[in-house]
Amino acid sequence: MIDIEQLNDIRRNRGFLTVEDTSALSSARVVVLDPFSTLVSQGVTLDPGVTLWPGVVLQTSDGGTIAIGYEAQLYPGARLVASRGRIKVSARAEIGEEGGFTIKAEQQDAVIEIGEGARLIGGGAMTLSNSIGAGAQILGPIRLQNCVLEGGGTHLEPDPDRRGAVLKGSGLARQIFVPTGFVIQAFGLFSEAPVRKQSYFHPKPGN
């Protein structure tokens, strides 16, 4: 038999909500599919419509903050840690599908912002400060440090050259800037890979 109170004591000692309080997030229209495997720190802000899949961790400490916007989806294996820094996830962003995703803002001045409708999937990780614009995508086990991906349309935008910037592949992306409508595909160092228009990979309708 599961000792709920023992579990809750462990959670409290680590700064997380109890199982009951995690489940009660539903009263604020937050969808928690499994309150036993979901860990949420007390200082986390969750807008209505957010969905937390099993295995999600949202952890704050030392004055760090995490804010998750309206209808964002955090899939199994999504781990967001704000220790002194700040993480902001905007509305309808998707984080962690196909292998999880780790985001850490661990320095005093670290700011990580994920734009509306952005997609971070495939087991990647993000540290230091990063700006991921609206509709931008990170596809694959990529480690980002101090990167900027400009915003644009989501992956559903018919014209690929108007979509948010994309990194795809695997490897290290450090101090990378990608404009709207462009993509870098790499398997190693993204600084050594070419920057191409997204229509290079996804021809425009009618072409």
C-alpha atoms as a PDB file:
ATOM      1  CA  MET A   1       0.000   0.000   0.000  1.00  0.00           C
ATOM      2  CA  ILE A   2       1.248   3.481  -0.902  1.00  0.00           C
ATOM      3  CA  ASP A   3       1.912   5.714   2.106  1.00  0.00           C
ATOM      4  CA  ILE A   4       0.597   9.027   0.757  1.00  0.00           C
ATOM      5  CA  GLU A   5       1.670  11.030   3.792  1.00  0.00           C
ATOM      6  CA  GLN A   6       5.228   9.750   3.484  1.00  0.00           C
ATOM      7  CA  LEU A   7       5.259  10.750  -0.171  1.00  0.00           C
ATOM      8  CA  ASN A   8       3.913  14.167   0.750  1.00  0.00           C
ATOM      9  CA  ASP A   9       6.599  14.657   3.403  1.00  0.00           C
ATOM     10  CA  ILE A  10       9.276  13.936   0.805  1.00  0.00           C
ATOM     11  CA  ARG A  11       7.651  16.371  -1.612  1.00  0.00           C
ATOM     12  CA  ARG A  12       7.382  19.123   1.012  1.00  0.00           C
ATOM     13  CA  ASN A  13      11.033  18.712   1.940  1.00  0.00           C
ATOM     14  CA  ARG A  14      11.981  19.296  -1.702  1.00  0.00           C
ATOM     15  CA  GLY A  15       9.619  22.258  -2.111  1.00  0.00           C
ATOM     16  CA  PHE A  16       6.996  20.456  -4.202  1.00  0.00           C
ATOM     17  CA  LEU A  17       3.228  20.410  -3.850  1.00  0.00           C
ATOM     18  CA  THR A  18       1.651  17.416  -2.166  1.00  0.00           C
ATOM     19  CA  VAL A  19      -0.126  14.796  -4.245  1.00  0.00           C
ATOM     20  CA  GLU A  20      -3.474  16.260  -3.196  1.00  0.00           C
ATOM     21  CA  ASP A  21      -2.457  19.838  -4.009  1.00  0.00           C
ATOM     22  CA  THR A  22      -1.074  18.737  -7.379  1.00  0.00           C
ATOM     23  CA  SER A  23      -4.371  17.035  -8.179  1.00  0.00           C
ATOM     24  CA  ALA A  24      -6.250  20.137  -6.995  1.00  0.00           C
ATOM     25  CA  LEU A  25      -4.648  22.199  -9.763  1.00  0.00           C
ATOM     26  CA  SER A  26      -7.571  20.940 -11.832  1.00  0.00           C
ATOM     27  CA  SER A  27      -9.762  23.443  -9.985  1.00  0.00           C
ATOM     28  CA  ALA A  28      -7.780  26.142 -11.806  1.00  0.00           C
ATOM     29  CA  ARG A  29      -8.449  24.307 -15.109  1.00  0.00           C
ATOM     30  CA  VAL A  30      -4.963  22.786 -15.253  1.00  0.00           C
ATOM     31  CA  VAL A  31      -4.971  19.218 -16.577  1.00  0.00           C
ATOM     32  CA  VAL A  32      -2.796  16.920 -14.445  1.00  0.00           C
ATOM     33  CA  LEU A  33      -2.990  13.410 -15.866  1.00  0.00           C
ATOM     34  CA  ASP A  34      -1.055  11.732 -13.045  1.00  0.00           C
ATOM     35  CA  PRO A  35      -0.532  13.733  -9.824  1.00  0.00           C
ATOM     36  CA  PHE A  36       1.685  10.969  -8.386  1.00  0.00           C
ATOM     37  CA  SER A  37       4.376  11.304 -11.061  1.00  0.00           C
ATOM     38  CA  THR A  38       4.044  15.068 -11.629  1.00  0.00           C
ATOM     39  CA  LEU A  39       6.185  17.399  -9.488  1.00  0.00           C
ATOM     40  CA  VAL A  40       5.323  21.092  -9.259  1.00  0.00           C
ATOM     41  CA  SER A  41       7.037  23.591  -6.979  1.00  0.00           C
ATOM     42  CA  GLN A  42       4.874  25.951  -4.992  1.00  0.00           C
ATOM     43  CA  GLY A  43       6.090  29.062  -6.825  1.00  0.00           C
ATOM     44  CA  VAL A  44       5.151  27.863 -10.323  1.00  0.00           C
ATOM     45  CA  THR A  45       2.439  29.830 -12.188  1.00  0.00           C
ATOM     46  CA  LEU A  46       0.134  27.794 -14.435  1.00  0.00           C
ATOM     47  CA  ASP A  47      -2.475  29.390 -16.697  1.00  0.00           C
ATOM     48  CA  PRO A  48      -5.816  27.701 -17.423  1.00  0.00           C
ATOM     49  CA  GLY A  49      -5.686  24.983 -20.071  1.00  0.00           C
ATOM     50  CA  VAL A  50      -2.127  23.865 -19.347  1.00  0.00           C
ATOM     51  CA  THR A  51      -1.695  20.094 -19.646  1.00  0.00           C
ATOM     52  CA  LEU A  52       0.922  18.325 -17.515  1.00  0.00           C
ATOM     53  CA  TRP A  53       1.579  14.778 -18.733  1.00  0.00           C
ATOM     54  CA  PRO A  54       3.008  12.080 -16.418  1.00  0.00           C
ATOM     55  CA  GLY A  55       6.621  12.591 -15.430  1.00  0.00           C
ATOM     56  CA  VAL A  56       6.691  16.385 -15.782  1.00  0.00           C
ATOM     57  CA  VAL A  57       8.906  18.274 -13.310  1.00  0.00           C
ATOM     58  CA  LEU A  58       8.533  22.032 -12.687  1.00  0.00           C
ATOM     59  CA  GLN A  59      11.058  23.031 -10.026  1.00  0.00           C
ATOM     60  CA  THR A  60      11.965  26.441  -8.599  1.00  0.00           C
ATOM     61  CA  SER A  61      14.444  27.460  -5.911  1.00  0.00           C
ATOM     62  CA  ASP A  62      16.532  30.430  -4.731  1.00  0.00           C
ATOM     63  CA  GLY A  63      14.073  32.979  -6.131  1.00  0.00           C
ATOM     64  CA  GLY A  64      13.745  31.378  -9.563  1.00  0.00           C
ATOM     65  CA  THR A  65      10.394  31.562 -11.346  1.00  0.00           C
ATOM     66  CA  ILE A  66       8.498  29.431 -13.859  1.00  0.00           C
ATOM     67  CA  ALA A  67       5.370  30.637 -15.673  1.00  0.00           C
ATOM     68  CA  ILE A  68       3.466  28.394 -18.096  1.00  0.00           C
ATOM     69  CA  GLY A  69       0.998  30.014 -20.479  1.00  0.00           C
ATOM     70  CA  TYR A  70      -2.526  29.182 -21.601  1.00  0.00           C
ATOM     71  CA  GLU A  71      -3.007  25.726 -23.196  1.00  0.00           C
ATOM     72  CA  ALA A  72       0.688  24.856 -23.195  1.00  0.00           C
ATOM     73  CA  GLN A  73       1.441  21.139 -23.382  1.00  0.00           C
ATOM     74  CA  LEU A  74       4.235  19.627 -21.296  1.00  0.00           C
ATOM     75  CA  TYR A  75       4.787  16.021 -22.328  1.00  0.00           C
ATOM     76  CA  PRO A  76       6.394  13.134 -20.383  1.00  0.00           C
ATOM     77  CA  GLY A  77      10.008  13.870 -19.564  1.00  0.00           C
ATOM     78  CA  ALA A  78       9.687  17.659 -19.687  1.00  0.00           C
ATOM     79  CA  ARG A  79      11.848  19.048 -16.856  1.00  0.00           C
ATOM     80  CA  LEU A  80      12.009  22.779 -16.159  1.00  0.00           C
ATOM     81  CA  VAL A  81      14.315  23.991 -13.385  1.00  0.00           C
ATOM     82  CA  ALA A  82      14.577  27.660 -12.387  1.00  0.00           C
ATOM     83  CA  SER A  83      17.221  28.094  -9.713  1.00  0.00           C
ATOM     84  CA  ARG A  84      17.687  31.877  -9.445  1.00  0.00           C
ATOM     85  CA  GLY A  85      16.780  32.361 -13.127  1.00  0.00           C
ATOM     86  CA  ARG A  86      13.466  32.805 -14.935  1.00  0.00           C
ATOM     87  CA  ILE A  87      11.604  30.534 -17.364  1.00  0.00           C
ATOM     88  CA  LYS A  88       8.548  31.729 -19.269  1.00  0.00           C
ATOM     89  CA  VAL A  89       6.579  29.420 -21.560  1.00  0.00           C
ATOM     90  CA  SER A  90       3.941  31.175 -23.665  1.00  0.00           C
ATOM     91  CA  ALA A  91       0.512  30.000 -24.736  1.00  0.00           C
ATOM     92  CA  ARG A  92       0.100  26.795 -26.726  1.00  0.00           C
ATOM     93  CA  ALA A  93       3.803  25.918 -26.658  1.00  0.00           C
ATOM     94  CA  GLU A  94       4.651  22.197 -26.777  1.00  0.00           C
ATOM     95  CA  ILE A  95       7.580  20.847 -24.773  1.00  0.00           C
ATOM     96  CA  GLY A  96       8.935  17.321 -24.444  1.00  0.00           C
ATOM     97  CA  GLU A  97       7.164  15.180 -27.011  1.00  0.00           C
ATOM     98  CA  GLU A  98       9.230  12.324 -28.500  1.00  0.00           C
ATOM     99  CA  GLY A  99      11.794  11.992 -25.719  1.00  0.00           C
ATOM    100  CA  GLY A 100      11.371  14.785 -23.192  1.00  0.00           C
ATOM    101  CA  PHE A 101      13.177  18.116 -22.915  1.00  0.00           C
ATOM    102  CA  THR A 102      15.238  19.775 -20.144  1.00  0.00           C
ATOM    103  CA  ILE A 103      15.296  23.526 -19.526  1.00  0.00           C
ATOM    104  CA  LYS A 104      17.505  24.991 -16.779  1.00  0.00           C
ATOM    105  CA  ALA A 105      17.797  28.638 -15.751  1.00  0.00           C
ATOM    106  CA  GLU A 106      20.392  28.340 -12.997  1.00  0.00           C
ATOM    107  CA  GLN A 107      22.183  31.705 -13.032  1.00  0.00           C
ATOM    108  CA  GLN A 108      20.949  34.912 -11.399  1.00  0.00           C
ATOM    109  CA  ASP A 109      20.479  36.694 -14.739  1.00  0.00           C
ATOM    110  CA  ALA A 110      19.404  33.650 -16.783  1.00  0.00           C
ATOM    111  CA  VAL A 111      16.183  34.224 -18.739  1.00  0.00           C
ATOM    112  CA  ILE A 112      14.672  31.557 -20.960  1.00  0.00           C
ATOM    113  CA  GLU A 113      11.594  32.518 -22.961  1.00  0.00           C
ATOM    114  CA  ILE A 114       9.577  30.125 -25.120  1.00  0.00           C
ATOM    115  CA  GLY A 115       7.193  31.854 -27.527  1.00  0.00           C
ATOM    116  CA  GLU A 116       3.582  31.121 -28.335  1.00  0.00           C
ATOM    117  CA  GLY A 117       3.102  27.906 -30.294  1.00  0.00           C
ATOM    118  CA  ALA A 118       6.788  26.953 -30.156  1.00  0.00           C
ATOM    119  CA  ARG A 119       7.710  23.249 -30.236  1.00  0.00           C
ATOM    120  CA  LEU A 120      10.642  21.747 -28.296  1.00  0.00           C
ATOM    121  CA  ILE A 121      10.732  18.004 -28.900  1.00  0.00           C
ATOM    122  CA  GLY A 122      13.076  15.065 -29.165  1.00  0.00           C
ATOM    123  CA  GLY A 123      15.147  15.038 -25.984  1.00  0.00           C
ATOM    124  CA  GLY A 124      16.984  18.341 -26.184  1.00  0.00           C
ATOM    125  CA  ALA A 125      18.252  20.614 -23.419  1.00  0.00           C
ATOM    126  CA  MET A 126      18.596  24.330 -22.800  1.00  0.00           C
ATOM    127  CA  THR A 127      20.799  26.264 -20.355  1.00  0.00           C
ATOM    128  CA  LEU A 128      21.969  29.847 -19.742  1.00  0.00           C
ATOM    129  CA  SER A 129      19.707  32.407 -21.521  1.00  0.00           C
ATOM    130  CA  ASN A 130      17.709  31.639 -24.663  1.00  0.00           C
ATOM    131  CA  SER A 131      14.920  33.290 -26.646  1.00  0.00           C
ATOM    132  CA  ILE A 132      12.748  30.905 -28.655  1.00  0.00           C
ATOM    133  CA  GLY A 133      10.255  32.960 -30.658  1.00  0.00           C
ATOM    134  CA  ALA A 134       6.631  32.263 -31.475  1.00  0.00           C
ATOM    135  CA  GLY A 135       6.260  29.194 -33.673  1.00  0.00           C
ATOM    136  CA  ALA A 136       9.969  28.356 -33.519  1.00  0.00           C
ATOM    137  CA  GLN A 137      10.997  24.713 -33.281  1.00  0.00           C
ATOM    138  CA  ILE A 138      13.809  22.648 -31.754  1.00  0.00           C
ATOM    139  CA  LEU A 139      13.658  19.165 -33.213  1.00  0.00           C
ATOM    140  CA  GLY A 140      16.004  16.557 -31.800  1.00  0.00           C
ATOM    141  CA  PRO A 141      18.556  16.053 -29.010  1.00  0.00           C
ATOM    142  CA  ILE A 142      20.128  19.494 -29.316  1.00  0.00           C
ATOM    143  CA  ARG A 143      21.845  21.356 -26.448  1.00  0.00           C
ATOM    144  CA  LEU A 144      21.209  25.100 -26.602  1.00  0.00           C
ATOM    145  CA  GLN A 145      23.223  27.814 -24.856  1.00  0.00           C
ATOM    146  CA  ASN A 146      22.538  31.525 -25.382  1.00  0.00           C
ATOM    147  CA  CYS A 147      20.604  31.054 -28.623  1.00  0.00           C
ATOM    148  CA  VAL A 148      17.970  33.203 -30.346  1.00  0.00           C
ATOM    149  CA  LEU A 149      15.385  31.739 -32.708  1.00  0.00           C
ATOM    150  CA  GLU A 150      13.186  34.410 -34.253  1.00  0.00           C
ATOM    151  CA  GLY A 151       9.437  33.986 -34.223  1.00  0.00           C
ATOM    152  CA  GLY A 152       6.964  33.557 -37.051  1.00  0.00           C
ATOM    153  CA  GLY A 153       4.146  31.232 -37.958  1.00  0.00           C
ATOM    154  CA  THR A 154       3.817  27.791 -36.409  1.00  0.00           C
ATOM    155  CA  HIS A 155       4.722  24.565 -38.219  1.00  0.00           C
ATOM    156  CA  LEU A 156       1.186  24.693 -39.670  1.00  0.00           C
ATOM    157  CA  GLU A 157       1.876  27.944 -41.559  1.00  0.00           C
ATOM    158  CA  PRO A 158       1.509  27.110 -45.302  1.00  0.00           C
ATOM    159  CA  ASP A 159       4.509  29.217 -46.345  1.00  0.00           C
ATOM    160  CA  PRO A 160       7.583  27.606 -44.729  1.00  0.00           C
ATOM    161  CA  ASP A 161       9.617  30.788 -45.135  1.00  0.00           C
ATOM    162  CA  ARG A 162       7.228  32.600 -42.804  1.00  0.00           C
ATOM    163  CA  ARG A 163       7.463  30.052 -39.994  1.00  0.00           C
ATOM    164  CA  GLY A 164       9.398  30.540 -36.784  1.00  0.00           C
ATOM    165  CA  ALA A 165      13.077  29.611 -36.919  1.00  0.00           C
ATOM    166  CA  VAL A 166      14.110  25.958 -36.611  1.00  0.00           C
ATOM    167  CA  LEU A 167      17.030  23.938 -35.286  1.00  0.00           C
ATOM    168  CA  LYS A 168      16.938  20.247 -36.152  1.00  0.00           C
ATOM    169  CA  GLY A 169      19.292  17.317 -35.852  1.00  0.00           C
ATOM    170  CA  SER A 170      21.572  16.763 -32.861  1.00  0.00           C
ATOM    171  CA  GLY A 171      24.564  18.322 -31.171  1.00  0.00           C
ATOM    172  CA  LEU A 172      25.567  21.653 -29.619  1.00  0.00           C
ATOM    173  CA  ALA A 173      24.074  25.042 -30.519  1.00  0.00           C
ATOM    174  CA  ARG A 174      25.974  27.833 -28.749  1.00  0.00           C
ATOM    175  CA  GLN A 175      25.280  31.538 -29.403  1.00  0.00           C
ATOM    176  CA  ILE A 176      23.280  30.697 -32.526  1.00  0.00           C
ATOM    177  CA  PHE A 177      20.910  33.185 -34.185  1.00  0.00           C
ATOM    178  CA  VAL A 178      18.334  31.921 -36.684  1.00  0.00           C
ATOM    179  CA  PRO A 179      16.022  34.378 -38.490  1.00  0.00           C
ATOM    180  CA  THR A 180      12.341  33.867 -39.220  1.00  0.00           C
ATOM    181  CA  GLY A 181      11.790  31.351 -42.015  1.00  0.00           C
ATOM    182  CA  PHE A 182      15.254  29.809 -41.749  1.00  0.00           C
ATOM    183  CA  VAL A 183      16.566  26.506 -40.418  1.00  0.00           C
ATOM    184  CA  ILE A 184      19.883  24.990 -39.370  1.00  0.00           C
ATOM    185  CA  GLN A 185      20.240  21.239 -39.635  1.00  0.00           C
ATOM    186  CA  ALA A 186      23.334  19.780 -38.002  1.00  0.00           C
ATOM    187  CA  PHE A 187      24.733  16.644 -36.429  1.00  0.00           C
ATOM    188  CA  GLY A 188      27.496  18.038 -34.265  1.00  0.00           C
ATOM    189  CA  LEU A 189      28.295  21.768 -34.021  1.00  0.00           C
ATOM    190  CA  PHE A 190      25.492  23.995 -35.283  1.00  0.00           C
ATOM    191  CA  SER A 191      27.951  26.879 -35.671  1.00  0.00           C
ATOM    192  CA  GLU A 192      29.547  24.987 -38.567  1.00  0.00           C
ATOM    193  CA  ALA A 193      26.325  24.188 -40.432  1.00  0.00           C
ATOM    194  CA  PRO A 194      24.688  26.320 -43.150  1.00  0.00           C
ATOM    195  CA  VAL A 195      21.618  28.462 -42.514  1.00  0.00           C
ATOM    196  CA  ARG A 196      18.973  27.667 -45.125  1.00  0.00           C
ATOM    197  CA  LYS A 197      15.477  28.824 -45.899  1.00  0.00           C
ATOM    198  CA  GLN A 198      12.883  26.376 -44.662  1.00  0.00           C
ATOM    199  CA  SER A 199      11.556  25.998 -48.203  1.00  0.00           C
ATOM    200  CA  TYR A 200      14.820  24.152 -48.938  1.00  0.00           C
ATOM    201  CA  PHE A 201      13.366  21.257 -46.940  1.00  0.00           C
ATOM    202  CA  HIS A 202       9.658  22.009 -47.376  1.00  0.00           C
ATOM    203  CA  PRO A 203       8.791  23.373 -50.841  1.00  0.00           C
ATOM    204  CA  LYS A 204       6.125  26.047 -50.895  1.00  0.00           C
ATOM    205  CA  PRO A 205       2.624  25.068 -52.017  1.00  0.00           C
ATOM    206  CA  GLY A 206       2.371  25.095 -55.795  1.00  0.00           C
ATOM    207  CA  ASN A 207       6.118  24.705 -56.394  1.00  0.00           C
END
